[in-house]
């Protein structure tokens, strides 16, 4: 049991440091030697756990990136009330985290999708699967809002989800370049203005 726990702790440490390097430098600019140096590992120790750099990154994607995206952008959507303020609060909180990160390099998932988006490959598919989970949960939250009378019946939930995802990815890229606080404020103000146009109009009782 102790041996297995030690192995799991070692792999977690490797993934965490690997993700830090990949996020800051990019996947292709990070070499196995960079990883070994940061972790003070031999090549033999690395290849004992992972077959290749790609296999290492896939493990990071499955075990860390998925969890981070789910906790930050998916899990908060599961609330039994109007999805409009829930979505706004979720994105606001996600941007708040980025605003106060001195090592911010943009939206992690978006960065890696861009870097790997040069034809179909195994890594890209894992990243797309994470994006799909976010998209599906956004659509589900919006459709539930329609069913509960919070969102107007004419609203196309798939199109709204596409807008939310693409706009969030865009503002995260902009925030990484500077003026994060101002950009976050401007984005959230316009997001609110847009999201509240989706509300079902309340009938006036005379």
N, C-alpha and C. Protein backbone atom coordinates (compact mmCIF):
# COMPACT_ATOMS: atom_id res chain seq x y z
N UNK A 1 0.83 -1.21 0.00
CA UNK A 1 0.00 0.00 0.00
C UNK A 1 0.87 1.26 0.00
N UNK A 2 1.91 1.27 0.87
CA UNK A 2 2.79 2.43 0.95
C UNK A 2 3.52 2.65 -0.37
N UNK A 3 3.93 1.55 -1.00
CA UNK A 3 4.64 1.65 -2.28
C UNK A 3 3.74 2.23 -3.36
N UNK A 4 2.49 1.79 -3.38
CA UNK A 4 1.53 2.29 -4.36
C UNK A 4 1.22 3.76 -4.11
N UNK A 5 1.06 4.15 -2.84
CA UNK A 5 0.78 5.54 -2.51
C UNK A 5 1.96 6.43 -2.90
N UNK A 6 3.17 5.94 -2.67
CA UNK A 6 4.35 6.71 -3.03
C UNK A 6 4.43 6.90 -4.55
N UNK A 7 4.07 5.85 -5.29
CA UNK A 7 4.06 5.94 -6.76
C UNK A 7 3.04 6.97 -7.23
N UNK A 8 1.85 6.97 -6.63
CA UNK A 8 0.80 7.92 -7.00
C UNK A 8 1.23 9.35 -6.67
N UNK A 9 1.88 9.53 -5.53
CA UNK A 9 2.35 10.86 -5.14
C UNK A 9 3.42 11.36 -6.11
N UNK A 10 4.31 10.45 -6.53
CA UNK A 10 5.35 10.81 -7.49
C UNK A 10 4.74 11.23 -8.83
N UNK A 11 3.76 10.45 -9.29
CA UNK A 11 3.11 10.77 -10.57
C UNK A 11 2.35 12.10 -10.48
N UNK A 12 1.72 12.35 -9.35
CA UNK A 12 1.01 13.62 -9.18
C UNK A 12 1.99 14.79 -9.21
N UNK A 13 3.12 14.62 -8.55
CA UNK A 13 4.14 15.68 -8.55
C UNK A 13 4.68 15.91 -9.97
N UNK A 14 4.88 14.84 -10.70
CA UNK A 14 5.36 14.95 -12.07
C UNK A 14 4.35 15.67 -12.96
N UNK A 15 3.08 15.30 -12.81
CA UNK A 15 2.04 15.94 -13.63
C UNK A 15 1.92 17.42 -13.30
N UNK A 16 1.92 17.75 -12.02
CA UNK A 16 1.77 19.15 -11.61
C UNK A 16 2.90 20.01 -12.14
N UNK A 17 4.13 19.54 -12.02
CA UNK A 17 5.28 20.30 -12.53
C UNK A 17 5.28 20.32 -14.05
N UNK A 18 4.91 19.21 -14.66
CA UNK A 18 4.83 19.16 -16.12
C UNK A 18 3.82 20.16 -16.66
N UNK A 19 2.65 20.22 -16.02
CA UNK A 19 1.63 21.17 -16.47
C UNK A 19 2.12 22.60 -16.33
N UNK A 20 2.79 22.89 -15.23
CA UNK A 20 3.34 24.24 -15.03
C UNK A 20 4.29 24.62 -16.16
N UNK A 21 5.16 23.70 -16.54
CA UNK A 21 6.10 23.96 -17.63
C UNK A 21 5.40 24.11 -18.97
N UNK A 22 4.50 23.19 -19.27
CA UNK A 22 3.78 23.23 -20.55
C UNK A 22 2.95 24.51 -20.67
N UNK A 23 2.33 24.92 -19.56
CA UNK A 23 1.49 26.12 -19.56
C UNK A 23 2.32 27.38 -19.79
N UNK A 24 3.48 27.45 -19.17
CA UNK A 24 4.31 28.65 -19.27
C UNK A 24 5.11 28.72 -20.57
N UNK A 25 5.59 27.56 -21.05
CA UNK A 25 6.46 27.56 -22.22
C UNK A 25 5.79 27.05 -23.49
N UNK A 26 4.68 26.30 -23.32
CA UNK A 26 4.06 25.64 -24.45
C UNK A 26 4.53 24.20 -24.54
N UNK A 27 3.70 23.34 -25.08
CA UNK A 27 4.03 21.91 -25.15
C UNK A 27 5.26 21.67 -26.02
N UNK A 28 5.26 22.22 -27.21
CA UNK A 28 6.34 21.92 -28.16
C UNK A 28 7.67 22.54 -27.74
N UNK A 29 7.63 23.63 -27.00
CA UNK A 29 8.86 24.30 -26.57
C UNK A 29 9.44 23.68 -25.30
N UNK A 30 8.69 22.76 -24.69
CA UNK A 30 9.16 22.09 -23.47
C UNK A 30 9.70 20.71 -23.83
N UNK A 31 10.94 20.47 -23.50
CA UNK A 31 11.57 19.19 -23.82
C UNK A 31 11.52 18.24 -22.63
N UNK A 32 11.76 16.98 -22.91
CA UNK A 32 11.87 15.99 -21.83
C UNK A 32 12.97 16.40 -20.86
N UNK A 33 14.07 16.92 -21.39
CA UNK A 33 15.18 17.35 -20.54
C UNK A 33 14.76 18.48 -19.60
N UNK A 34 13.90 19.40 -20.09
CA UNK A 34 13.37 20.47 -19.23
C UNK A 34 12.60 19.87 -18.06
N UNK A 35 11.79 18.88 -18.38
CA UNK A 35 10.96 18.24 -17.36
C UNK A 35 11.83 17.51 -16.35
N UNK A 36 12.80 16.77 -16.85
CA UNK A 36 13.69 16.01 -15.97
C UNK A 36 14.47 16.94 -15.04
N UNK A 37 14.93 18.06 -15.59
CA UNK A 37 15.69 19.02 -14.79
C UNK A 37 14.83 19.60 -13.67
N UNK A 38 13.60 19.99 -13.98
CA UNK A 38 12.71 20.56 -12.97
C UNK A 38 12.35 19.56 -11.88
N UNK A 39 12.23 18.30 -12.28
CA UNK A 39 11.81 17.26 -11.33
C UNK A 39 12.98 16.52 -10.69
N UNK A 40 14.19 16.84 -11.15
CA UNK A 40 15.39 16.14 -10.67
C UNK A 40 15.24 14.62 -10.83
N UNK A 41 14.82 14.23 -12.03
CA UNK A 41 14.62 12.81 -12.34
C UNK A 41 15.56 12.36 -13.44
N UNK A 42 15.84 11.08 -13.46
CA UNK A 42 16.59 10.49 -14.56
C UNK A 42 15.60 10.11 -15.67
N UNK A 43 16.13 9.91 -16.88
CA UNK A 43 15.26 9.48 -17.98
C UNK A 43 14.62 8.14 -17.66
N UNK A 44 15.37 7.28 -17.01
CA UNK A 44 14.84 5.97 -16.65
C UNK A 44 13.64 6.09 -15.72
N UNK A 45 13.72 7.00 -14.76
CA UNK A 45 12.61 7.20 -13.82
C UNK A 45 11.38 7.75 -14.54
N UNK A 46 11.63 8.66 -15.48
CA UNK A 46 10.50 9.24 -16.24
C UNK A 46 9.81 8.15 -17.06
N UNK A 47 10.60 7.41 -17.83
CA UNK A 47 10.03 6.41 -18.72
C UNK A 47 9.50 5.18 -17.97
N UNK A 48 9.81 5.09 -16.70
CA UNK A 48 9.19 4.04 -15.88
C UNK A 48 7.70 4.32 -15.71
N UNK A 49 7.33 5.60 -15.70
CA UNK A 49 5.93 6.00 -15.49
C UNK A 49 5.21 6.34 -16.79
N UNK A 50 5.92 6.90 -17.76
CA UNK A 50 5.28 7.36 -19.00
C UNK A 50 6.06 6.92 -20.23
N UNK A 51 5.33 6.57 -21.29
CA UNK A 51 5.97 6.05 -22.49
C UNK A 51 6.67 7.14 -23.31
N UNK A 52 6.14 8.37 -23.24
CA UNK A 52 6.66 9.45 -24.07
C UNK A 52 6.19 10.79 -23.51
N UNK A 53 6.67 11.88 -24.09
CA UNK A 53 6.20 13.21 -23.68
C UNK A 53 4.71 13.34 -23.97
N UNK A 54 4.27 12.80 -25.10
CA UNK A 54 2.85 12.86 -25.45
C UNK A 54 2.00 12.09 -24.45
N UNK A 55 2.46 10.91 -24.07
CA UNK A 55 1.75 10.11 -23.07
C UNK A 55 1.69 10.85 -21.74
N UNK A 56 2.76 11.52 -21.39
CA UNK A 56 2.83 12.34 -20.17
C UNK A 56 1.79 13.45 -20.23
N UNK A 57 1.70 14.14 -21.37
CA UNK A 57 0.75 15.24 -21.50
C UNK A 57 -0.69 14.74 -21.47
N UNK A 58 -0.95 13.61 -22.09
CA UNK A 58 -2.29 13.04 -22.06
C UNK A 58 -2.69 12.72 -20.62
N UNK A 59 -1.76 12.19 -19.85
CA UNK A 59 -2.02 11.91 -18.44
C UNK A 59 -2.35 13.19 -17.67
N UNK A 60 -1.63 14.25 -17.97
CA UNK A 60 -1.90 15.56 -17.36
C UNK A 60 -3.28 16.05 -17.75
N UNK A 61 -3.62 15.89 -19.02
CA UNK A 61 -4.92 16.33 -19.53
C UNK A 61 -6.05 15.62 -18.81
N UNK A 62 -5.92 14.31 -18.67
CA UNK A 62 -6.97 13.50 -18.05
C UNK A 62 -7.08 13.73 -16.54
N UNK A 63 -5.95 13.93 -15.89
CA UNK A 63 -5.93 13.96 -14.42
C UNK A 63 -5.93 15.36 -13.80
N UNK A 64 -5.50 16.38 -14.56
CA UNK A 64 -5.45 17.72 -13.97
C UNK A 64 -6.28 18.73 -14.76
N UNK A 65 -6.03 18.83 -16.06
CA UNK A 65 -6.73 19.86 -16.85
C UNK A 65 -8.23 19.64 -16.81
N UNK A 66 -8.65 18.40 -16.98
CA UNK A 66 -10.08 18.09 -16.93
C UNK A 66 -10.67 18.51 -15.59
N UNK A 67 -9.99 18.19 -14.51
CA UNK A 67 -10.49 18.53 -13.18
C UNK A 67 -10.58 20.04 -12.98
N UNK A 68 -9.56 20.76 -13.45
CA UNK A 68 -9.54 22.22 -13.29
C UNK A 68 -10.69 22.87 -14.06
N UNK A 69 -10.88 22.47 -15.31
CA UNK A 69 -11.96 23.05 -16.12
C UNK A 69 -13.31 22.69 -15.53
N UNK A 70 -13.47 21.45 -15.09
CA UNK A 70 -14.74 21.02 -14.53
C UNK A 70 -15.08 21.81 -13.26
N UNK A 71 -14.09 21.94 -12.37
CA UNK A 71 -14.34 22.64 -11.10
C UNK A 71 -14.61 24.12 -11.33
N UNK A 72 -13.95 24.72 -12.31
CA UNK A 72 -14.05 26.16 -12.52
C UNK A 72 -15.26 26.56 -13.35
N UNK A 73 -15.59 25.76 -14.40
CA UNK A 73 -16.57 26.20 -15.38
C UNK A 73 -17.78 25.29 -15.55
N UNK A 74 -17.71 24.08 -15.07
CA UNK A 74 -18.83 23.14 -15.27
C UNK A 74 -19.62 22.91 -13.99
N UNK A 75 -18.94 22.53 -12.94
CA UNK A 75 -19.62 22.22 -11.68
C UNK A 75 -20.50 23.36 -11.16
N UNK A 76 -20.07 24.63 -11.24
CA UNK A 76 -20.92 25.72 -10.74
C UNK A 76 -22.26 25.87 -11.48
N UNK A 77 -22.38 25.26 -12.67
CA UNK A 77 -23.62 25.39 -13.45
C UNK A 77 -24.77 24.58 -12.87
N UNK A 78 -24.44 23.61 -12.04
CA UNK A 78 -25.46 22.69 -11.51
C UNK A 78 -26.20 23.31 -10.34
N UNK A 79 -26.99 24.34 -10.63
CA UNK A 79 -27.79 25.01 -9.60
C UNK A 79 -29.24 25.09 -10.05
N UNK A 80 -30.13 24.93 -9.12
CA UNK A 80 -31.56 24.88 -9.43
C UNK A 80 -32.18 26.28 -9.42
N UNK A 81 -31.69 27.13 -10.32
CA UNK A 81 -32.27 28.47 -10.47
C UNK A 81 -31.97 28.97 -11.87
N UNK A 82 -32.35 30.19 -12.18
CA UNK A 82 -32.12 30.72 -13.52
C UNK A 82 -30.65 30.60 -13.90
N UNK A 83 -30.35 30.03 -15.09
CA UNK A 83 -28.96 29.86 -15.49
C UNK A 83 -28.25 31.17 -15.85
N UNK A 84 -29.01 32.23 -16.08
CA UNK A 84 -28.39 33.48 -16.52
C UNK A 84 -27.45 34.05 -15.46
N UNK A 85 -27.91 34.32 -14.23
CA UNK A 85 -26.96 34.81 -13.21
C UNK A 85 -25.91 33.76 -12.84
N UNK A 86 -26.26 32.48 -12.95
CA UNK A 86 -25.31 31.42 -12.62
C UNK A 86 -24.14 31.44 -13.60
N UNK A 87 -24.44 31.56 -14.88
CA UNK A 87 -23.39 31.60 -15.91
C UNK A 87 -22.54 32.85 -15.75
N UNK A 88 -23.17 33.99 -15.49
CA UNK A 88 -22.42 35.23 -15.29
C UNK A 88 -21.49 35.11 -14.09
N UNK A 89 -22.01 34.58 -12.98
CA UNK A 89 -21.18 34.43 -11.78
C UNK A 89 -20.04 33.44 -12.01
N UNK A 90 -20.32 32.37 -12.73
CA UNK A 90 -19.30 31.36 -13.01
C UNK A 90 -18.14 31.97 -13.79
N UNK A 91 -18.44 32.71 -14.85
CA UNK A 91 -17.39 33.32 -15.66
C UNK A 91 -16.68 34.43 -14.88
N UNK A 92 -17.44 35.19 -14.10
CA UNK A 92 -16.83 36.25 -13.29
C UNK A 92 -15.83 35.67 -12.29
N UNK A 93 -16.21 34.57 -11.63
CA UNK A 93 -15.32 33.94 -10.66
C UNK A 93 -14.09 33.34 -11.34
N UNK A 94 -14.28 32.77 -12.53
CA UNK A 94 -13.16 32.21 -13.27
C UNK A 94 -12.17 33.30 -13.67
N UNK A 95 -12.70 34.44 -14.09
CA UNK A 95 -11.83 35.56 -14.48
C UNK A 95 -11.16 36.19 -13.26
N UNK A 96 -11.85 36.15 -12.14
CA UNK A 96 -11.28 36.68 -10.89
C UNK A 96 -10.02 35.89 -10.53
N UNK A 97 -10.09 34.59 -10.70
CA UNK A 97 -8.94 33.73 -10.43
C UNK A 97 -7.77 34.10 -11.34
N UNK A 98 -8.07 34.34 -12.61
CA UNK A 98 -7.02 34.70 -13.57
C UNK A 98 -6.44 36.08 -13.29
N UNK A 99 -7.31 37.00 -12.89
CA UNK A 99 -6.88 38.39 -12.66
C UNK A 99 -5.80 38.46 -11.58
N UNK A 100 -5.89 37.61 -10.58
CA UNK A 100 -4.96 37.66 -9.46
C UNK A 100 -3.85 36.62 -9.56
N UNK A 101 -3.64 36.08 -10.76
CA UNK A 101 -2.58 35.11 -10.99
C UNK A 101 -1.41 35.80 -11.69
N UNK A 102 -0.33 36.02 -10.97
CA UNK A 102 0.81 36.74 -11.54
C UNK A 102 1.51 35.95 -12.64
N UNK A 103 1.25 34.64 -12.69
CA UNK A 103 1.87 33.79 -13.71
C UNK A 103 0.89 33.46 -14.83
N UNK A 104 -0.17 34.25 -14.95
CA UNK A 104 -1.21 33.94 -15.93
C UNK A 104 -0.69 34.01 -17.36
N UNK A 105 -0.98 32.95 -18.12
CA UNK A 105 -0.59 32.89 -19.53
C UNK A 105 -1.80 32.66 -20.43
N UNK A 106 -2.99 32.94 -19.90
CA UNK A 106 -4.21 32.72 -20.69
C UNK A 106 -4.96 31.49 -20.22
N UNK A 107 -6.04 31.17 -20.94
CA UNK A 107 -6.88 30.03 -20.59
C UNK A 107 -6.15 28.74 -20.99
N UNK A 108 -5.82 27.95 -20.01
CA UNK A 108 -5.00 26.76 -20.21
C UNK A 108 -5.53 25.87 -21.33
N UNK A 109 -6.81 25.52 -21.26
CA UNK A 109 -7.39 24.64 -22.27
C UNK A 109 -7.34 25.28 -23.64
N UNK A 110 -7.67 26.56 -23.72
CA UNK A 110 -7.64 27.28 -24.99
C UNK A 110 -6.25 27.33 -25.59
N UNK A 111 -5.26 27.56 -24.75
CA UNK A 111 -3.87 27.61 -25.22
C UNK A 111 -3.45 26.30 -25.87
N UNK A 112 -3.76 25.21 -25.19
CA UNK A 112 -3.34 23.90 -25.70
C UNK A 112 -4.15 23.50 -26.94
N UNK A 113 -5.42 23.87 -26.99
CA UNK A 113 -6.21 23.60 -28.19
C UNK A 113 -5.60 24.31 -29.40
N UNK A 114 -5.19 25.56 -29.20
CA UNK A 114 -4.56 26.31 -30.29
C UNK A 114 -3.25 25.67 -30.72
N UNK A 115 -2.46 25.26 -29.74
CA UNK A 115 -1.14 24.70 -30.05
C UNK A 115 -1.25 23.37 -30.79
N UNK A 116 -2.24 22.57 -30.44
CA UNK A 116 -2.36 21.25 -31.06
C UNK A 116 -3.29 21.24 -32.27
N UNK A 117 -3.90 22.37 -32.57
CA UNK A 117 -4.90 22.41 -33.64
C UNK A 117 -4.25 22.47 -35.03
N UNK A 118 -3.45 21.46 -35.31
CA UNK A 118 -2.79 21.36 -36.62
C UNK A 118 -3.03 19.97 -37.18
N UNK A 119 -4.29 19.60 -37.28
CA UNK A 119 -4.63 18.27 -37.74
C UNK A 119 -5.04 17.38 -36.58
N UNK A 120 -5.73 16.30 -36.91
CA UNK A 120 -6.23 15.40 -35.87
C UNK A 120 -5.09 14.61 -35.25
N UNK A 121 -5.08 14.54 -33.94
CA UNK A 121 -4.13 13.70 -33.22
C UNK A 121 -4.75 13.33 -31.89
N UNK A 122 -4.15 12.39 -31.19
CA UNK A 122 -4.73 11.87 -29.95
C UNK A 122 -4.84 12.95 -28.88
N UNK A 123 -3.83 13.78 -28.77
CA UNK A 123 -3.85 14.83 -27.75
C UNK A 123 -4.99 15.80 -28.01
N UNK A 124 -5.13 16.23 -29.25
CA UNK A 124 -6.18 17.18 -29.61
C UNK A 124 -7.56 16.64 -29.26
N UNK A 125 -7.76 15.35 -29.49
CA UNK A 125 -9.06 14.76 -29.20
C UNK A 125 -9.38 14.80 -27.71
N UNK A 126 -8.39 14.55 -26.86
CA UNK A 126 -8.60 14.63 -25.42
C UNK A 126 -8.98 16.06 -25.01
N UNK A 127 -8.31 17.04 -25.61
CA UNK A 127 -8.61 18.44 -25.29
C UNK A 127 -10.01 18.83 -25.78
N UNK A 128 -10.36 18.37 -26.97
CA UNK A 128 -11.70 18.65 -27.51
C UNK A 128 -12.78 18.03 -26.64
N UNK A 129 -12.49 16.86 -26.09
CA UNK A 129 -13.47 16.19 -25.23
C UNK A 129 -13.77 17.03 -23.98
N UNK A 130 -12.75 17.68 -23.43
CA UNK A 130 -12.96 18.55 -22.27
C UNK A 130 -13.83 19.74 -22.66
N UNK A 131 -13.52 20.33 -23.81
CA UNK A 131 -14.31 21.46 -24.30
C UNK A 131 -15.76 21.03 -24.52
N UNK A 132 -15.95 19.81 -25.01
CA UNK A 132 -17.30 19.31 -25.28
C UNK A 132 -18.09 19.15 -23.99
N UNK A 133 -17.42 18.70 -22.93
CA UNK A 133 -18.09 18.56 -21.63
C UNK A 133 -18.62 19.91 -21.17
N UNK A 134 -17.80 20.95 -21.30
CA UNK A 134 -18.23 22.30 -20.92
C UNK A 134 -19.41 22.74 -21.78
N UNK A 135 -19.31 22.53 -23.10
CA UNK A 135 -20.37 22.93 -24.02
C UNK A 135 -21.68 22.23 -23.71
N UNK A 136 -21.63 20.93 -23.50
CA UNK A 136 -22.84 20.14 -23.22
C UNK A 136 -23.51 20.62 -21.95
N UNK A 137 -22.72 20.90 -20.92
CA UNK A 137 -23.29 21.36 -19.65
C UNK A 137 -23.87 22.76 -19.75
N UNK A 138 -23.25 23.62 -20.55
CA UNK A 138 -23.82 24.95 -20.79
C UNK A 138 -25.16 24.84 -21.49
N UNK A 139 -25.20 24.04 -22.54
CA UNK A 139 -26.45 23.85 -23.30
C UNK A 139 -27.54 23.28 -22.40
N UNK A 140 -27.17 22.30 -21.58
CA UNK A 140 -28.14 21.69 -20.67
C UNK A 140 -28.69 22.71 -19.68
N UNK A 141 -27.81 23.55 -19.13
CA UNK A 141 -28.26 24.58 -18.18
C UNK A 141 -29.20 25.58 -18.86
N UNK A 142 -28.88 25.96 -20.08
CA UNK A 142 -29.71 26.91 -20.82
C UNK A 142 -31.07 26.30 -21.18
N UNK A 143 -31.07 25.05 -21.59
CA UNK A 143 -32.33 24.38 -21.94
C UNK A 143 -33.21 24.20 -20.71
N UNK A 144 -32.59 23.90 -19.58
CA UNK A 144 -33.37 23.81 -18.34
C UNK A 144 -33.98 25.17 -18.01
N UNK A 145 -33.23 26.24 -18.29
CA UNK A 145 -33.74 27.58 -18.07
C UNK A 145 -34.94 27.88 -18.94
N UNK A 146 -34.93 27.38 -20.16
CA UNK A 146 -36.09 27.54 -21.05
C UNK A 146 -37.29 26.78 -20.50
N UNK A 147 -37.05 25.55 -20.08
CA UNK A 147 -38.13 24.71 -19.55
C UNK A 147 -38.76 25.31 -18.30
N UNK A 148 -37.92 25.98 -17.49
CA UNK A 148 -38.41 26.57 -16.23
C UNK A 148 -38.96 27.98 -16.41
N UNK A 149 -38.93 28.49 -17.64
CA UNK A 149 -39.50 29.81 -17.91
C UNK A 149 -38.57 30.97 -17.64
N UNK A 150 -37.28 30.71 -17.43
CA UNK A 150 -36.33 31.80 -17.18
C UNK A 150 -35.79 32.39 -18.48
N UNK A 151 -35.73 31.57 -19.52
CA UNK A 151 -35.15 31.98 -20.80
C UNK A 151 -36.22 31.91 -21.88
N UNK A 152 -36.22 32.89 -22.76
CA UNK A 152 -37.24 32.96 -23.82
C UNK A 152 -37.20 31.73 -24.72
N UNK A 153 -38.36 31.33 -25.20
CA UNK A 153 -38.49 30.10 -25.99
C UNK A 153 -37.75 30.17 -27.32
N UNK A 154 -37.58 31.38 -27.86
CA UNK A 154 -36.94 31.50 -29.18
C UNK A 154 -35.42 31.37 -29.13
N UNK A 155 -34.83 31.39 -27.95
CA UNK A 155 -33.37 31.37 -27.80
C UNK A 155 -32.79 30.03 -28.27
N UNK A 156 -31.75 30.11 -29.10
CA UNK A 156 -31.04 28.92 -29.56
C UNK A 156 -29.91 28.63 -28.57
N UNK A 157 -30.08 27.61 -27.75
CA UNK A 157 -29.14 27.33 -26.65
C UNK A 157 -27.75 26.94 -27.17
N UNK A 158 -27.70 26.23 -28.29
CA UNK A 158 -26.42 25.82 -28.85
C UNK A 158 -25.62 27.05 -29.29
N UNK A 159 -26.30 28.01 -29.92
CA UNK A 159 -25.61 29.23 -30.37
C UNK A 159 -25.13 30.07 -29.20
N UNK A 160 -25.94 30.15 -28.16
CA UNK A 160 -25.54 30.91 -26.96
C UNK A 160 -24.32 30.27 -26.31
N UNK A 161 -24.31 28.94 -26.22
CA UNK A 161 -23.17 28.24 -25.63
C UNK A 161 -21.90 28.50 -26.43
N UNK A 162 -22.01 28.50 -27.76
CA UNK A 162 -20.86 28.78 -28.62
C UNK A 162 -20.32 30.18 -28.36
N UNK A 163 -21.24 31.14 -28.23
CA UNK A 163 -20.82 32.53 -27.96
C UNK A 163 -20.13 32.64 -26.61
N UNK A 164 -20.69 32.01 -25.59
CA UNK A 164 -20.11 32.10 -24.24
C UNK A 164 -18.70 31.52 -24.23
N UNK A 165 -18.54 30.35 -24.82
CA UNK A 165 -17.22 29.69 -24.82
C UNK A 165 -16.20 30.52 -25.60
N UNK A 166 -16.57 30.96 -26.79
CA UNK A 166 -15.61 31.70 -27.62
C UNK A 166 -15.27 33.06 -27.01
N UNK A 167 -16.25 33.72 -26.41
CA UNK A 167 -15.98 35.03 -25.82
C UNK A 167 -15.09 34.89 -24.58
N UNK A 168 -15.32 33.82 -23.79
CA UNK A 168 -14.49 33.59 -22.61
C UNK A 168 -13.04 33.31 -23.02
N UNK A 169 -12.87 32.47 -24.02
CA UNK A 169 -11.52 32.17 -24.49
C UNK A 169 -10.82 33.43 -24.99
N UNK A 170 -11.58 34.27 -25.67
CA UNK A 170 -11.00 35.51 -26.19
C UNK A 170 -10.56 36.47 -25.10
N UNK A 171 -11.41 36.67 -24.11
CA UNK A 171 -11.06 37.62 -23.05
C UNK A 171 -9.91 37.10 -22.20
N UNK A 172 -9.82 35.77 -22.03
CA UNK A 172 -8.69 35.22 -21.28
C UNK A 172 -7.37 35.48 -21.99
N UNK A 173 -7.38 35.39 -23.30
CA UNK A 173 -6.17 35.68 -24.07
C UNK A 173 -5.79 37.15 -23.92
N UNK A 174 -6.78 38.03 -23.99
CA UNK A 174 -6.52 39.46 -23.84
C UNK A 174 -6.01 39.80 -22.45
N UNK A 175 -6.60 39.20 -21.43
CA UNK A 175 -6.20 39.48 -20.05
C UNK A 175 -4.76 39.09 -19.76
N UNK A 176 -4.28 38.04 -20.43
CA UNK A 176 -2.90 37.60 -20.21
C UNK A 176 -1.89 38.60 -20.74
N UNK A 177 -2.35 39.51 -21.61
CA UNK A 177 -1.44 40.51 -22.21
C UNK A 177 -1.35 41.80 -21.40
N UNK A 178 -2.18 41.92 -20.36
CA UNK A 178 -2.15 43.12 -19.52
C UNK A 178 -3.52 43.73 -19.35
N UNK A 179 -3.62 44.72 -18.43
CA UNK A 179 -4.90 45.41 -18.13
C UNK A 179 -6.00 44.42 -17.76
N UNK A 180 -5.63 43.37 -17.02
CA UNK A 180 -6.58 42.31 -16.72
C UNK A 180 -7.82 42.81 -15.98
N UNK A 181 -7.64 43.67 -15.00
CA UNK A 181 -8.77 44.14 -14.20
C UNK A 181 -9.77 44.91 -15.06
N UNK A 182 -9.27 45.84 -15.87
CA UNK A 182 -10.16 46.64 -16.72
C UNK A 182 -10.86 45.76 -17.75
N UNK A 183 -10.12 44.85 -18.38
CA UNK A 183 -10.70 43.98 -19.40
C UNK A 183 -11.76 43.08 -18.81
N UNK A 184 -11.50 42.55 -17.63
CA UNK A 184 -12.49 41.70 -16.96
C UNK A 184 -13.76 42.49 -16.69
N UNK A 185 -13.63 43.71 -16.18
CA UNK A 185 -14.80 44.54 -15.89
C UNK A 185 -15.61 44.80 -17.17
N UNK A 186 -14.94 45.19 -18.23
CA UNK A 186 -15.63 45.50 -19.48
C UNK A 186 -16.34 44.27 -20.03
N UNK A 187 -15.66 43.14 -19.97
CA UNK A 187 -16.25 41.92 -20.50
C UNK A 187 -17.49 41.51 -19.71
N UNK A 188 -17.39 41.53 -18.40
CA UNK A 188 -18.53 41.11 -17.56
C UNK A 188 -19.72 42.06 -17.75
N UNK A 189 -19.47 43.34 -17.89
CA UNK A 189 -20.56 44.29 -18.12
C UNK A 189 -21.30 43.97 -19.41
N UNK A 190 -20.56 43.70 -20.47
CA UNK A 190 -21.20 43.38 -21.75
C UNK A 190 -21.83 41.99 -21.74
N UNK A 191 -21.22 41.07 -21.01
CA UNK A 191 -21.80 39.74 -20.88
C UNK A 191 -23.16 39.83 -20.19
N UNK A 192 -23.24 40.62 -19.13
CA UNK A 192 -24.52 40.81 -18.44
C UNK A 192 -25.57 41.38 -19.38
N UNK A 193 -25.18 42.41 -20.13
CA UNK A 193 -26.11 43.05 -21.05
C UNK A 193 -26.65 42.05 -22.06
N UNK A 194 -25.77 41.20 -22.56
CA UNK A 194 -26.19 40.19 -23.54
C UNK A 194 -27.05 39.12 -22.89
N UNK A 195 -26.61 38.57 -21.77
CA UNK A 195 -27.31 37.45 -21.15
C UNK A 195 -28.73 37.82 -20.73
N UNK A 196 -28.90 39.05 -20.25
CA UNK A 196 -30.24 39.43 -19.80
C UNK A 196 -31.21 39.69 -20.95
N UNK A 197 -30.70 39.78 -22.17
CA UNK A 197 -31.61 39.86 -23.33
C UNK A 197 -32.25 38.51 -23.62
N UNK A 198 -31.72 37.45 -23.01
CA UNK A 198 -32.24 36.10 -23.24
C UNK A 198 -33.41 35.76 -22.33
N UNK A 199 -33.66 36.61 -21.34
CA UNK A 199 -34.70 36.31 -20.35
C UNK A 199 -36.10 36.31 -20.97
N UNK A 200 -36.90 35.42 -20.42
CA UNK A 200 -38.30 35.38 -20.80
C UNK A 200 -39.01 36.61 -20.23
N UNK A 201 -39.71 37.34 -21.08
CA UNK A 201 -40.41 38.53 -20.59
C UNK A 201 -41.53 38.12 -19.65
N UNK A 202 -41.61 38.82 -18.55
CA UNK A 202 -42.63 38.51 -17.56
C UNK A 202 -43.94 39.19 -17.96
N UNK A 203 -45.03 38.44 -17.85
CA UNK A 203 -46.34 38.98 -18.18
C UNK A 203 -46.78 39.98 -17.11
N UNK A 204 -47.29 41.08 -17.56
CA UNK A 204 -47.80 42.10 -16.63
C UNK A 204 -49.25 41.81 -16.29
N UNK A 205 -49.53 41.76 -15.01
CA UNK A 205 -50.90 41.50 -14.56
C UNK A 205 -51.56 42.82 -14.16
N UNK A 206 -52.68 43.11 -14.80
CA UNK A 206 -53.39 44.36 -14.49
C UNK A 206 -54.56 44.09 -13.54
